[in-house]
C-alpha atoms as a PDB file:
ATOM      1  CA  MET A   1      -6.038   3.869 -18.886  1.00  0.00           C
ATOM      2  CA  LYS A   2      -9.239   4.720 -17.042  1.00  0.00           C
ATOM      3  CA  ASN A   3      -9.283   8.129 -15.371  1.00  0.00           C
ATOM      4  CA  TYR A   4     -11.311   9.699 -12.605  1.00  0.00           C
ATOM      5  CA  ASP A   5     -14.882  10.448 -13.700  1.00  0.00           C
ATOM      6  CA  GLU A   6     -15.596  13.998 -12.579  1.00  0.00           C
ATOM      7  CA  ALA A   7     -19.261  13.804 -13.610  1.00  0.00           C
ATOM      8  CA  ALA A   8     -19.868  10.704 -11.480  1.00  0.00           C
ATOM      9  CA  ALA A   9     -18.038  12.327  -8.556  1.00  0.00           C
ATOM     10  CA  GLU A  10     -20.160  15.466  -8.883  1.00  0.00           C
ATOM     11  CA  ALA A  11     -23.343  13.385  -8.967  1.00  0.00           C
ATOM     12  CA  ALA A  12     -22.208  11.610  -5.802  1.00  0.00           C
ATOM     13  CA  ARG A  13     -21.458  14.969  -4.192  1.00  0.00           C
ATOM     14  CA  ASP A  14     -24.959  16.178  -5.088  1.00  0.00           C
ATOM     15  CA  ARG A  15     -26.437  13.026  -3.556  1.00  0.00           C
ATOM     16  CA  GLN A  16     -24.507  13.627  -0.329  1.00  0.00           C
ATOM     17  CA  ASP A  17     -26.039  17.096  -0.127  1.00  0.00           C
ATOM     18  CA  GLU A  18     -29.534  15.608  -0.489  1.00  0.00           C
ATOM     19  CA  LEU A  19     -29.205  12.913   2.187  1.00  0.00           C
ATOM     20  CA  THR A  20     -30.989  13.280   5.526  1.00  0.00           C
ATOM     21  CA  LYS A  21     -28.123  14.870   7.413  1.00  0.00           C
ATOM     22  CA  PRO A  22     -26.465  18.260   7.702  1.00  0.00           C
ATOM     23  CA  PRO A  23     -24.085  18.808   4.766  1.00  0.00           C
ATOM     24  CA  GLY A  24     -20.618  17.486   5.543  1.00  0.00           C
ATOM     25  CA  SER A  25     -21.684  15.888   8.804  1.00  0.00           C
ATOM     26  CA  LEU A  26     -20.323  12.444   7.862  1.00  0.00           C
ATOM     27  CA  GLY A  27     -16.912  13.977   7.290  1.00  0.00           C
ATOM     28  CA  ARG A  28     -14.372  11.672   5.709  1.00  0.00           C
ATOM     29  CA  LEU A  29     -17.058   9.082   4.948  1.00  0.00           C
ATOM     30  CA  GLU A  30     -18.523  11.505   2.435  1.00  0.00           C
ATOM     31  CA  GLU A  31     -15.124  12.080   0.829  1.00  0.00           C
ATOM     32  CA  LEU A  32     -14.550   8.342   0.528  1.00  0.00           C
ATOM     33  CA  ALA A  33     -17.905   7.776  -1.160  1.00  0.00           C
ATOM     34  CA  ILE A  34     -17.180  10.532  -3.662  1.00  0.00           C
ATOM     35  CA  PHE A  35     -13.672   9.135  -4.298  1.00  0.00           C
ATOM     36  CA  MET A  36     -15.155   5.721  -5.062  1.00  0.00           C
ATOM     37  CA  ALA A  37     -17.826   7.228  -7.309  1.00  0.00           C
ATOM     38  CA  GLY A  38     -15.207   8.992  -9.391  1.00  0.00           C
ATOM     39  CA  TRP A  39     -13.061   5.915  -9.869  1.00  0.00           C
ATOM     40  CA  GLN A  40     -15.967   3.528 -10.448  1.00  0.00           C
ATOM     41  CA  GLY A  41     -17.697   5.993 -12.761  1.00  0.00           C
ATOM     42  CA  ARG A  42     -21.084   5.768 -11.043  1.00  0.00           C
ATOM     43  CA  ALA A  43     -22.870   8.067  -8.636  1.00  0.00           C
ATOM     44  CA  GLN A  44     -23.675   5.189  -6.296  1.00  0.00           C
ATOM     45  CA  PRO A  45     -20.488   3.116  -6.115  1.00  0.00           C
ATOM     46  CA  ARG A  46     -20.485  -0.352  -4.618  1.00  0.00           C
ATOM     47  CA  ILE A  47     -18.123  -3.038  -3.422  1.00  0.00           C
ATOM     48  CA  GLU A  48     -19.351  -6.426  -4.520  1.00  0.00           C
ATOM     49  CA  ARG A  49     -15.902  -7.905  -4.984  1.00  0.00           C
ATOM     50  CA  ALA A  50     -12.891  -6.892  -2.887  1.00  0.00           C
ATOM     51  CA  GLN A  51      -9.490  -8.451  -3.458  1.00  0.00           C
ATOM     52  CA  ALA A  52      -6.643  -8.485  -0.943  1.00  0.00           C
ATOM     53  CA  LEU A  53      -3.160  -9.142  -2.326  1.00  0.00           C
ATOM     54  CA  VAL A  54      -0.228  -9.844  -0.026  1.00  0.00           C
ATOM     55  CA  PHE A  55       3.154 -10.154  -1.739  1.00  0.00           C
ATOM     56  CA  ALA A  56       6.083 -11.795   0.038  1.00  0.00           C
ATOM     57  CA  GLY A  57       9.812 -11.648  -0.695  1.00  0.00           C
ATOM     58  CA  ASN A  58      13.229 -12.024   0.913  1.00  0.00           C
ATOM     59  CA  HIS A  59      16.088  -9.542   0.996  1.00  0.00           C
ATOM     60  CA  GLY A  60      19.855  -9.804   0.786  1.00  0.00           C
ATOM     61  CA  VAL A  61      20.323  -6.728   2.958  1.00  0.00           C
ATOM     62  CA  THR A  62      19.447  -8.885   5.972  1.00  0.00           C
ATOM     63  CA  ALA A  63      23.130  -9.906   5.851  1.00  0.00           C
ATOM     64  CA  GLN A  64      23.810  -6.484   7.401  1.00  0.00           C
ATOM     65  CA  GLY A  65      22.036  -7.459  10.647  1.00  0.00           C
ATOM     66  CA  VAL A  66      19.014  -5.228  10.067  1.00  0.00           C
ATOM     67  CA  ASN A  67      16.335  -7.482  11.537  1.00  0.00           C
ATOM     68  CA  PRO A  68      15.896  -9.456  14.764  1.00  0.00           C
ATOM     69  CA  TYR A  69      14.291 -12.388  12.907  1.00  0.00           C
ATOM     70  CA  PRO A  70      15.829 -14.836  10.408  1.00  0.00           C
ATOM     71  CA  VAL A  71      14.707 -14.794   6.768  1.00  0.00           C
ATOM     72  CA  GLU A  72      13.041 -18.194   7.269  1.00  0.00           C
ATOM     73  CA  VAL A  73      10.239 -16.374   9.093  1.00  0.00           C
ATOM     74  CA  THR A  74       8.968 -14.997   5.771  1.00  0.00           C
ATOM     75  CA  ALA A  75       8.079 -18.474   4.500  1.00  0.00           C
ATOM     76  CA  GLN A  76       6.689 -19.435   7.901  1.00  0.00           C
ATOM     77  CA  MET A  77       4.384 -16.418   7.878  1.00  0.00           C
ATOM     78  CA  VAL A  78       3.282 -17.163   4.314  1.00  0.00           C
ATOM     79  CA  ALA A  79       2.290 -20.628   5.521  1.00  0.00           C
ATOM     80  CA  ASN A  80       0.407 -19.003   8.387  1.00  0.00           C
ATOM     81  CA  PHE A  81      -1.483 -16.800   5.905  1.00  0.00           C
ATOM     82  CA  GLU A  82      -2.346 -19.833   3.817  1.00  0.00           C
ATOM     83  CA  ASN A  83      -3.562 -21.687   6.911  1.00  0.00           C
ATOM     84  CA  GLY A  84      -5.763 -18.792   7.994  1.00  0.00           C
ATOM     85  CA  GLY A  85      -3.905 -17.980  11.186  1.00  0.00           C
ATOM     86  CA  ALA A  86      -2.708 -14.407  10.669  1.00  0.00           C
ATOM     87  CA  ALA A  87      -4.340 -11.082  11.480  1.00  0.00           C
ATOM     88  CA  ILE A  88      -4.922 -10.411   7.781  1.00  0.00           C
ATOM     89  CA  ASN A  89      -7.027 -13.570   7.496  1.00  0.00           C
ATOM     90  CA  GLN A  90      -9.364 -12.456  10.258  1.00  0.00           C
ATOM     91  CA  LEU A  91      -9.634  -8.904   8.957  1.00  0.00           C
ATOM     92  CA  CYS A  92     -10.261  -9.995   5.366  1.00  0.00           C
ATOM     93  CA  ARG A  93     -12.995 -12.345   6.517  1.00  0.00           C
ATOM     94  CA  LEU A  94     -14.647  -9.538   8.479  1.00  0.00           C
ATOM     95  CA  ALA A  95     -14.200  -6.951   5.719  1.00  0.00           C
ATOM     96  CA  GLY A  96     -15.388  -9.272   2.968  1.00  0.00           C
ATOM     97  CA  ALA A  97     -12.166  -9.424   0.954  1.00  0.00           C
ATOM     98  CA  GLU A  98     -10.828 -12.420  -0.923  1.00  0.00           C
ATOM     99  CA  LEU A  99      -7.231 -12.933   0.179  1.00  0.00           C
ATOM    100  CA  ARG A 100      -4.511 -14.079  -2.180  1.00  0.00           C
ATOM    101  CA  VAL A 101      -0.916 -14.503  -0.991  1.00  0.00           C
ATOM    102  CA  VAL A 102       1.818 -14.385  -3.636  1.00  0.00           C
ATOM    103  CA  ALA A 103       5.281 -15.554  -2.560  1.00  0.00           C
ATOM    104  CA  LEU A 104       8.075 -14.454  -4.901  1.00  0.00           C
ATOM    105  CA  ASP A 105      11.104 -16.765  -4.934  1.00  0.00           C
ATOM    106  CA  LEU A 106      11.546 -16.883  -1.163  1.00  0.00           C
ATOM    107  CA  ASP A 107      14.435 -19.323  -1.574  1.00  0.00           C
ATOM    108  CA  ARG A 108      16.265 -16.722  -3.687  1.00  0.00           C
ATOM    109  CA  PRO A 109      16.646 -13.433  -1.782  1.00  0.00           C
ATOM    110  CA  THR A 110      17.473 -10.258  -3.640  1.00  0.00           C
ATOM    111  CA  ALA A 111      21.087  -9.094  -3.600  1.00  0.00           C
ATOM    112  CA  ASP A 112      22.384  -6.932  -0.748  1.00  0.00           C
ATOM    113  CA  PHE A 113      21.765  -3.354  -1.903  1.00  0.00           C
ATOM    114  CA  THR A 114      24.773  -2.093   0.054  1.00  0.00           C
ATOM    115  CA  ARG A 115      26.995  -4.055  -2.334  1.00  0.00           C
ATOM    116  CA  GLY A 116      25.187  -3.744  -5.667  1.00  0.00           C
ATOM    117  CA  MET A 117      21.816  -3.751  -7.419  1.00  0.00           C
ATOM    118  CA  ALA A 118      19.141  -5.539  -5.419  1.00  0.00           C
ATOM    119  CA  LEU A 119      17.290  -6.637  -8.557  1.00  0.00           C
ATOM    120  CA  GLU A 120      18.675  -6.970 -12.051  1.00  0.00           C
ATOM    121  CA  VAL A 121      16.395  -5.892 -14.899  1.00  0.00           C
ATOM    122  CA  PRO A 122      14.936  -9.320 -15.838  1.00  0.00           C
ATOM    123  CA  ASP A 123      14.062 -10.065 -12.210  1.00  0.00           C
ATOM    124  CA  LEU A 124      12.608  -6.594 -11.734  1.00  0.00           C
ATOM    125  CA  VAL A 125      10.455  -6.883 -14.850  1.00  0.00           C
ATOM    126  CA  ALA A 126       9.247 -10.357 -13.857  1.00  0.00           C
ATOM    127  CA  SER A 127       8.298  -9.182 -10.363  1.00  0.00           C
ATOM    128  CA  ILE A 128       6.358  -6.200 -11.693  1.00  0.00           C
ATOM    129  CA  GLN A 129       4.541  -8.512 -14.094  1.00  0.00           C
ATOM    130  CA  THR A 130       3.684 -10.880 -11.244  1.00  0.00           C
ATOM    131  CA  GLY A 131       1.984  -7.988  -9.492  1.00  0.00           C
ATOM    132  CA  LYS A 132       0.068  -7.011 -12.620  1.00  0.00           C
ATOM    133  CA  ASP A 133      -1.063 -10.578 -13.244  1.00  0.00           C
ATOM    134  CA  ALA A 134      -2.323 -10.970  -9.658  1.00  0.00           C
ATOM    135  CA  VAL A 135      -4.949  -8.237 -10.027  1.00  0.00           C
ATOM    136  CA  ASP A 136      -8.524  -9.437 -10.418  1.00  0.00           C
ATOM    137  CA  PRO A 137     -10.007  -7.305 -13.228  1.00  0.00           C
ATOM    138  CA  LYS A 138     -13.481  -7.872 -11.787  1.00  0.00           C
ATOM    139  CA  ALA A 139     -12.606  -6.412  -8.387  1.00  0.00           C
ATOM    140  CA  ASP A 140     -14.320  -3.223  -7.217  1.00  0.00           C
ATOM    141  CA  VAL A 141     -11.463  -2.412  -4.856  1.00  0.00           C
ATOM    142  CA  ILE A 142      -8.041  -3.920  -4.127  1.00  0.00           C
ATOM    143  CA  ILE A 143      -6.121  -3.829  -0.866  1.00  0.00           C
ATOM    144  CA  LEU A 144      -2.360  -4.356  -0.930  1.00  0.00           C
ATOM    145  CA  GLY A 145       0.016  -5.682   1.698  1.00  0.00           C
ATOM    146  CA  GLU A 146       3.411  -7.334   2.042  1.00  0.00           C
ATOM    147  CA  MET A 147       5.549  -9.713   4.062  1.00  0.00           C
ATOM    148  CA  GLY A 148       9.330  -9.915   4.029  1.00  0.00           C
ATOM    149  CA  ILE A 149      11.978 -10.007   6.736  1.00  0.00           C
ATOM    150  CA  GLY A 150      14.153  -6.917   6.288  1.00  0.00           C
ATOM    151  CA  ASN A 151      11.733  -4.974   4.152  1.00  0.00           C
ATOM    152  CA  SER A 152      11.367  -1.999   6.495  1.00  0.00           C
ATOM    153  CA  THR A 153      15.040  -1.303   5.724  1.00  0.00           C
ATOM    154  CA  VAL A 154      14.249  -1.563   2.025  1.00  0.00           C
ATOM    155  CA  ALA A 155      11.289   0.784   2.483  1.00  0.00           C
ATOM    156  CA  ALA A 156      13.467   3.376   4.209  1.00  0.00           C
ATOM    157  CA  ALA A 157      15.930   3.279   1.319  1.00  0.00           C
ATOM    158  CA  LEU A 158      13.131   3.544  -1.249  1.00  0.00           C
ATOM    159  CA  ALA A 159      11.560   6.505   0.559  1.00  0.00           C
ATOM    160  CA  ALA A 160      14.877   8.347   0.828  1.00  0.00           C
ATOM    161  CA  ALA A 161      15.731   7.733  -2.816  1.00  0.00           C
ATOM    162  CA  THR A 162      12.262   8.820  -3.946  1.00  0.00           C
ATOM    163  CA  PHE A 163      11.513  11.794  -1.719  1.00  0.00           C
ATOM    164  CA  GLY A 164      14.949  12.881  -0.469  1.00  0.00           C
ATOM    165  CA  GLY A 165      16.248  13.422   3.023  1.00  0.00           C
ATOM    166  CA  LYS A 166      18.775  11.520   5.087  1.00  0.00           C
ATOM    167  CA  ALA A 167      18.661   7.871   6.035  1.00  0.00           C
ATOM    168  CA  ALA A 168      17.888   8.882   9.627  1.00  0.00           C
ATOM    169  CA  ASP A 169      14.677  10.563   8.431  1.00  0.00           C
ATOM    170  CA  TRP A 170      13.259   7.242   7.273  1.00  0.00           C
ATOM    171  CA  VAL A 171      14.806   4.424   9.332  1.00  0.00           C
ATOM    172  CA  GLY A 172      12.585   3.101  12.124  1.00  0.00           C
ATOM    173  CA  PRO A 173      12.296   0.096  14.439  1.00  0.00           C
ATOM    174  CA  GLY A 174      10.253  -2.086  12.066  1.00  0.00           C
ATOM    175  CA  THR A 175       9.416  -5.342  13.827  1.00  0.00           C
ATOM    176  CA  GLY A 176      11.131  -4.276  17.022  1.00  0.00           C
ATOM    177  CA  ALA A 177      14.782  -3.418  16.383  1.00  0.00           C
ATOM    178  CA  ASP A 178      17.008  -2.805  19.378  1.00  0.00           C
ATOM    179  CA  GLU A 179      19.710  -0.122  19.466  1.00  0.00           C
ATOM    180  CA  GLU A 180      22.295  -2.291  17.706  1.00  0.00           C
ATOM    181  CA  ILE A 181      19.935  -3.332  14.921  1.00  0.00           C
ATOM    182  CA  MET A 182      18.781   0.269  14.461  1.00  0.00           C
ATOM    183  CA  ALA A 183      22.411   1.290  13.985  1.00  0.00           C
ATOM    184  CA  ASN A 184      22.852  -1.496  11.435  1.00  0.00           C
ATOM    185  CA  LYS A 185      19.739  -0.363   9.553  1.00  0.00           C
ATOM    186  CA  LEU A 186      20.975   3.205   9.468  1.00  0.00           C
ATOM    187  CA  ARG A 187      24.412   2.194   8.188  1.00  0.00           C
ATOM    188  CA  ALA A 188      22.883  -0.060   5.537  1.00  0.00           C
ATOM    189  CA  VAL A 189      20.557   2.628   4.188  1.00  0.00           C
ATOM    190  CA  GLU A 190      23.339   5.218   4.211  1.00  0.00           C
ATOM    191  CA  ALA A 191      25.615   2.839   2.312  1.00  0.00           C
ATOM    192  CA  GLY A 192      22.894   2.052  -0.190  1.00  0.00           C
ATOM    193  CA  LEU A 193      22.085   5.699  -0.838  1.00  0.00           C
ATOM    194  CA  LYS A 194      25.753   6.433  -1.422  1.00  0.00           C
ATOM    195  CA  ARG A 195      26.213   3.506  -3.785  1.00  0.00           C
ATOM    196  CA  HIS A 196      23.046   4.149  -5.825  1.00  0.00           C
ATOM    197  CA  LYS A 197      22.928   7.961  -5.709  1.00  0.00           C
ATOM    198  CA  GLY A 198      22.464   8.138  -9.487  1.00  0.00           C
ATOM    199  CA  ALA A 199      19.139   6.281  -9.428  1.00  0.00           C
ATOM    200  CA  ALA A 200      16.550   8.786 -10.638  1.00  0.00           C
ATOM    201  CA  THR A 201      13.711   6.823 -12.278  1.00  0.00           C
ATOM    202  CA  ALA A 202      11.149   4.496 -10.759  1.00  0.00           C
ATOM    203  CA  ALA A 203      12.760   1.465 -12.405  1.00  0.00           C
ATOM    204  CA  SER A 204      16.296   2.367 -11.343  1.00  0.00           C
ATOM    205  CA  ILE A 205      15.231   3.053  -7.742  1.00  0.00           C
ATOM    206  CA  LEU A 206      13.326  -0.226  -7.534  1.00  0.00           C
ATOM    207  CA  GLY A 207      16.221  -2.115  -9.077  1.00  0.00           C
ATOM    208  CA  SER A 208      18.730  -0.500  -6.743  1.00  0.00           C
ATOM    209  CA  TYR A 209      16.950  -1.207  -3.469  1.00  0.00           C
ATOM    210  CA  GLY A 210      13.667  -3.002  -3.967  1.00  0.00           C
ATOM    211  CA  GLY A 211      12.520  -6.443  -3.079  1.00  0.00           C
ATOM    212  CA  ARG A 212      10.422  -8.543  -5.376  1.00  0.00           C
ATOM    213  CA  GLU A 213       7.366  -7.835  -3.249  1.00  0.00           C
ATOM    214  CA  GLN A 214       7.887  -4.062  -3.598  1.00  0.00           C
ATOM    215  CA  ALA A 215       8.153  -4.429  -7.365  1.00  0.00           C
ATOM    216  CA  ALA A 216       5.007  -6.594  -7.391  1.00  0.00           C
ATOM    217  CA  ILE A 217       3.138  -3.950  -5.391  1.00  0.00           C
ATOM    218  CA  CYS A 218       4.092  -1.414  -8.062  1.00  0.00           C
ATOM    219  CA  GLY A 219       2.879  -3.793 -10.767  1.00  0.00           C
ATOM    220  CA  ALA A 220      -0.462  -4.251  -9.026  1.00  0.00           C
ATOM    221  CA  VAL A 221      -0.885  -0.478  -8.618  1.00  0.00           C
ATOM    222  CA  ILE A 222      -0.101   0.088 -12.308  1.00  0.00           C
ATOM    223  CA  ARG A 223      -2.547  -2.597 -13.447  1.00  0.00           C
ATOM    224  CA  ALA A 224      -5.289  -1.342 -11.139  1.00  0.00           C
ATOM    225  CA  ARG A 225      -4.889   2.145 -12.610  1.00  0.00           C
ATOM    226  CA  GLU A 226      -5.174   0.735 -16.133  1.00  0.00           C
ATOM    227  CA  LEU A 227      -8.449  -0.914 -15.109  1.00  0.00           C
ATOM    228  CA  GLY A 228      -9.713   2.025 -13.053  1.00  0.00           C
ATOM    229  CA  ILE A 229      -9.870  -0.026  -9.841  1.00  0.00           C
ATOM    230  CA  PRO A 230      -9.408   1.911  -6.577  1.00  0.00           C
ATOM    231  CA  VAL A 231      -6.593   0.652  -4.343  1.00  0.00           C
ATOM    232  CA  ILE A 232      -6.066   0.764  -0.585  1.00  0.00           C
ATOM    233  CA  LEU A 233      -2.376   0.737   0.334  1.00  0.00           C
ATOM    234  CA  ASP A 234      -1.213  -0.568   3.695  1.00  0.00           C
ATOM    235  CA  GLY A 235       1.453   1.028   5.887  1.00  0.00           C
ATOM    236  CA  PHE A 236       5.008   2.328   5.539  1.00  0.00           C
ATOM    237  CA  ILE A 237       6.468  -0.510   3.496  1.00  0.00           C
ATOM    238  CA  CYS A 238       3.591  -0.766   1.047  1.00  0.00           C
ATOM    239  CA  THR A 239       3.313   3.012   0.689  1.00  0.00           C
ATOM    240  CA  ALA A 240       7.056   3.436   0.143  1.00  0.00           C
ATOM    241  CA  ALA A 241       6.959   0.799  -2.584  1.00  0.00           C
ATOM    242  CA  ALA A 242       4.060   2.383  -4.456  1.00  0.00           C
ATOM    243  CA  GLY A 243       5.467   5.863  -3.860  1.00  0.00           C
ATOM    244  CA  VAL A 244       8.360   5.098  -6.190  1.00  0.00           C
ATOM    245  CA  LEU A 245       5.898   5.387  -9.091  1.00  0.00           C
ATOM    246  CA  MET A 246       5.483   9.090  -8.310  1.00  0.00           C
ATOM    247  CA  VAL A 247       9.024   9.703  -9.567  1.00  0.00           C
ATOM    248  CA  ASN A 248       7.794   9.184 -13.121  1.00  0.00           C
ATOM    249  CA  ASP A 249       4.267  10.566 -12.636  1.00  0.00           C
ATOM    250  CA  ARG A 250       3.204  12.704  -9.686  1.00  0.00           C
ATOM    251  CA  ASN A 251      -0.405  11.550 -10.228  1.00  0.00           C
ATOM    252  CA  ALA A 252       0.398   7.831 -10.420  1.00  0.00           C
ATOM    253  CA  LEU A 253      -1.320   7.124  -7.091  1.00  0.00           C
ATOM    254  CA  ASP A 254      -4.441   9.244  -7.547  1.00  0.00           C
ATOM    255  CA  HIS A 255      -6.530   6.047  -7.484  1.00  0.00           C
ATOM    256  CA  CYS A 256      -4.962   4.944  -4.185  1.00  0.00           C
ATOM    257  CA  LEU A 257      -6.097   5.479  -0.623  1.00  0.00           C
ATOM    258  CA  ILE A 258      -3.685   5.097   2.288  1.00  0.00           C
ATOM    259  CA  GLY A 259      -5.336   2.624   4.625  1.00  0.00           C
ATOM    260  CA  HIS A 260      -3.696   3.790   7.814  1.00  0.00           C
ATOM    261  CA  GLU A 261      -0.843   5.824   9.220  1.00  0.00           C
ATOM    262  CA  SER A 262       1.662   3.333  10.556  1.00  0.00           C
ATOM    263  CA  ALA A 263       3.383   3.707  13.906  1.00  0.00           C
ATOM    264  CA  GLU A 264       6.644   3.394  11.945  1.00  0.00           C
ATOM    265  CA  PRO A 265       7.990   6.971  12.307  1.00  0.00           C
ATOM    266  CA  GLY A 266       8.867   7.468   8.639  1.00  0.00           C
ATOM    267  CA  HIS A 267       5.297   6.901   7.496  1.00  0.00           C
ATOM    268  CA  ARG A 268       3.983  10.300   8.567  1.00  0.00           C
ATOM    269  CA  ARG A 269       6.843  11.996   6.735  1.00  0.00           C
ATOM    270  CA  LEU A 270       6.143   9.825   3.708  1.00  0.00           C
ATOM    271  CA  LEU A 271       2.432  10.697   3.639  1.00  0.00           C
ATOM    272  CA  ALA A 272       3.271  14.398   3.882  1.00  0.00           C
ATOM    273  CA  ALA A 273       5.668  14.089   0.949  1.00  0.00           C
ATOM    274  CA  MET A 274       2.995  12.306  -1.073  1.00  0.00           C
ATOM    275  CA  GLY A 275       0.191  14.694  -0.113  1.00  0.00           C
ATOM    276  CA  LYS A 276      -1.950  11.825   1.221  1.00  0.00           C
ATOM    277  CA  GLU A 277      -4.164  11.445   4.293  1.00  0.00           C
ATOM    278  CA  PRO A 278      -4.696   8.025   5.907  1.00  0.00           C
ATOM    279  CA  VAL A 279      -8.169   6.603   6.384  1.00  0.00           C
ATOM    280  CA  VAL A 280      -7.407   5.620   9.995  1.00  0.00           C
ATOM    281  CA  THR A 281      -4.627   6.022  12.546  1.00  0.00           C
ATOM    282  CA  LEU A 282      -4.516   3.135  15.006  1.00  0.00           C
ATOM    283  CA  ASP A 283      -0.801   2.867  15.890  1.00  0.00           C
ATOM    284  CA  MET A 284      -0.582  -0.342  13.865  1.00  0.00           C
ATOM    285  CA  ARG A 285       2.755  -1.528  12.439  1.00  0.00           C
ATOM    286  CA  LEU A 286       2.085  -5.148  11.544  1.00  0.00           C
ATOM    287  CA  GLY A 287       2.122  -4.962   7.768  1.00  0.00           C
ATOM    288  CA  GLU A 288       0.599  -7.852   5.768  1.00  0.00           C
ATOM    289  CA  GLY A 289      -2.219  -5.553   4.604  1.00  0.00           C
ATOM    290  CA  SER A 290      -3.829  -5.388   8.048  1.00  0.00           C
ATOM    291  CA  GLY A 291      -4.307  -1.614   8.151  1.00  0.00           C
ATOM    292  CA  ALA A 292      -5.679  -1.601   4.606  1.00  0.00           C
ATOM    293  CA  ALA A 293      -8.206  -4.273   5.575  1.00  0.00           C
ATOM    294  CA  VAL A 294      -9.416  -2.165   8.505  1.00  0.00           C
ATOM    295  CA  ALA A 295      -9.742   0.771   6.104  1.00  0.00           C
ATOM    296  CA  LEU A 296     -11.889  -1.399   3.832  1.00  0.00           C
ATOM    297  CA  LEU A 297     -14.377  -1.700   6.708  1.00  0.00           C
ATOM    298  CA  ILE A 298     -14.528   2.096   6.893  1.00  0.00           C
ATOM    299  CA  LEU A 299     -14.919   2.316   3.126  1.00  0.00           C
ATOM    300  CA  ARG A 300     -17.838  -0.108   3.239  1.00  0.00           C
ATOM    301  CA  ALA A 301     -19.424   2.014   5.979  1.00  0.00           C
ATOM    302  CA  ALA A 302     -19.063   5.082   3.769  1.00  0.00           C
ATOM    303  CA  LEU A 303     -20.836   3.398   0.861  1.00  0.00           C
ATOM    304  CA  GLU A 304     -23.592   1.951   3.050  1.00  0.00           C
ATOM    305  CA  CYS A 305     -24.472   5.447   4.206  1.00  0.00           C
ATOM    306  CA  HIS A 306     -24.089   6.941   0.737  1.00  0.00           C
ATOM    307  CA  ASN A 307     -26.304   4.374  -0.987  1.00  0.00           C
ATOM    308  CA  GLY A 308     -28.709   3.412   1.780  1.00  0.00           C
ATOM    309  CA  MET A 309     -29.693   6.676   3.430  1.00  0.00           C
ATOM    310  CA  ALA A 310     -32.871   8.414   2.331  1.00  0.00           C
ATOM    311  CA  THR A 311     -32.811  11.804   0.690  1.00  0.00           C
ATOM    312  CA  PHE A 312     -34.832  14.623   2.251  1.00  0.00           C
ATOM    313  CA  ALA A 313     -37.370  14.237  -0.551  1.00  0.00           C
ATOM    314  CA  GLU A 314     -37.680  10.488  -0.028  1.00  0.00           C
ATOM    315  CA  ALA A 315     -38.132  10.949   3.709  1.00  0.00           C
ATOM    316  CA  GLY A 316     -40.633  13.761   3.274  1.00  0.00           C
ATOM    317  CA  ILE A 317     -38.460  16.145   5.294  1.00  0.00           C
ATOM    318  CA  GLY A 318     -38.057  19.810   4.483  1.00  0.00           C
END
């Protein structure tokens, strides 16, 4: 497993202090450049190859009336991604990321977590492996997203099981739930937490509640860490999925940035529990990796300044 290179980060920090600007005046852009330097192991990090992975899955908990859209929409949106018609397609094109969409057995939803395990062990292991296998080992950065009708309910259950609190702390409107659907979501998460209250490891929490796309996100995060590739996570659903890994290792997401703070109300609570700050806050709640793709634009801006600006010595200033 490749770890953060403190020497490279320190060299990047020294370079920031030498650039033609007041120290710290680029704010978070400086922090992002140093973060990338540490994970890439070079004082002047670069992004020559960016990969965007969007995992899609379907969920048995939709039987509890937790979403205003039918599960068929997941496959329809996957087709839209593949045809280039979604927001993530436009943002990846602009941000210079190669998009890959991975649909996981959409014709075979997970089981309803209010009635039993969502994923049995073989299915869980296979989904995690799918996520690992999707990672491009030559990528300089990876952005992660998801698609799956009902997965904001799954995310709320994962967050509650991982970080504690009541179902009401984590359940939000998702794709636009009305009062009745919100009540259904709350009941479903409460029932799931009661049924699976013994789940205490990352694997048992994922198996109890998770969709295949959440398990694949975890697999991709694990593989990226093995390779030392920085990751940009998307919003509430993506962050809740990856956050499960912190049960086993509090530092499991040290190589991950949070692309944006979602408008989904549980996301701010989740970021506080994880000790993470988002790159941007734009009131987005679309999913599909869209916020992470916007964050990639910011990350590229950070590296352009870091690598392209003159030092005071080069500019003959001082």
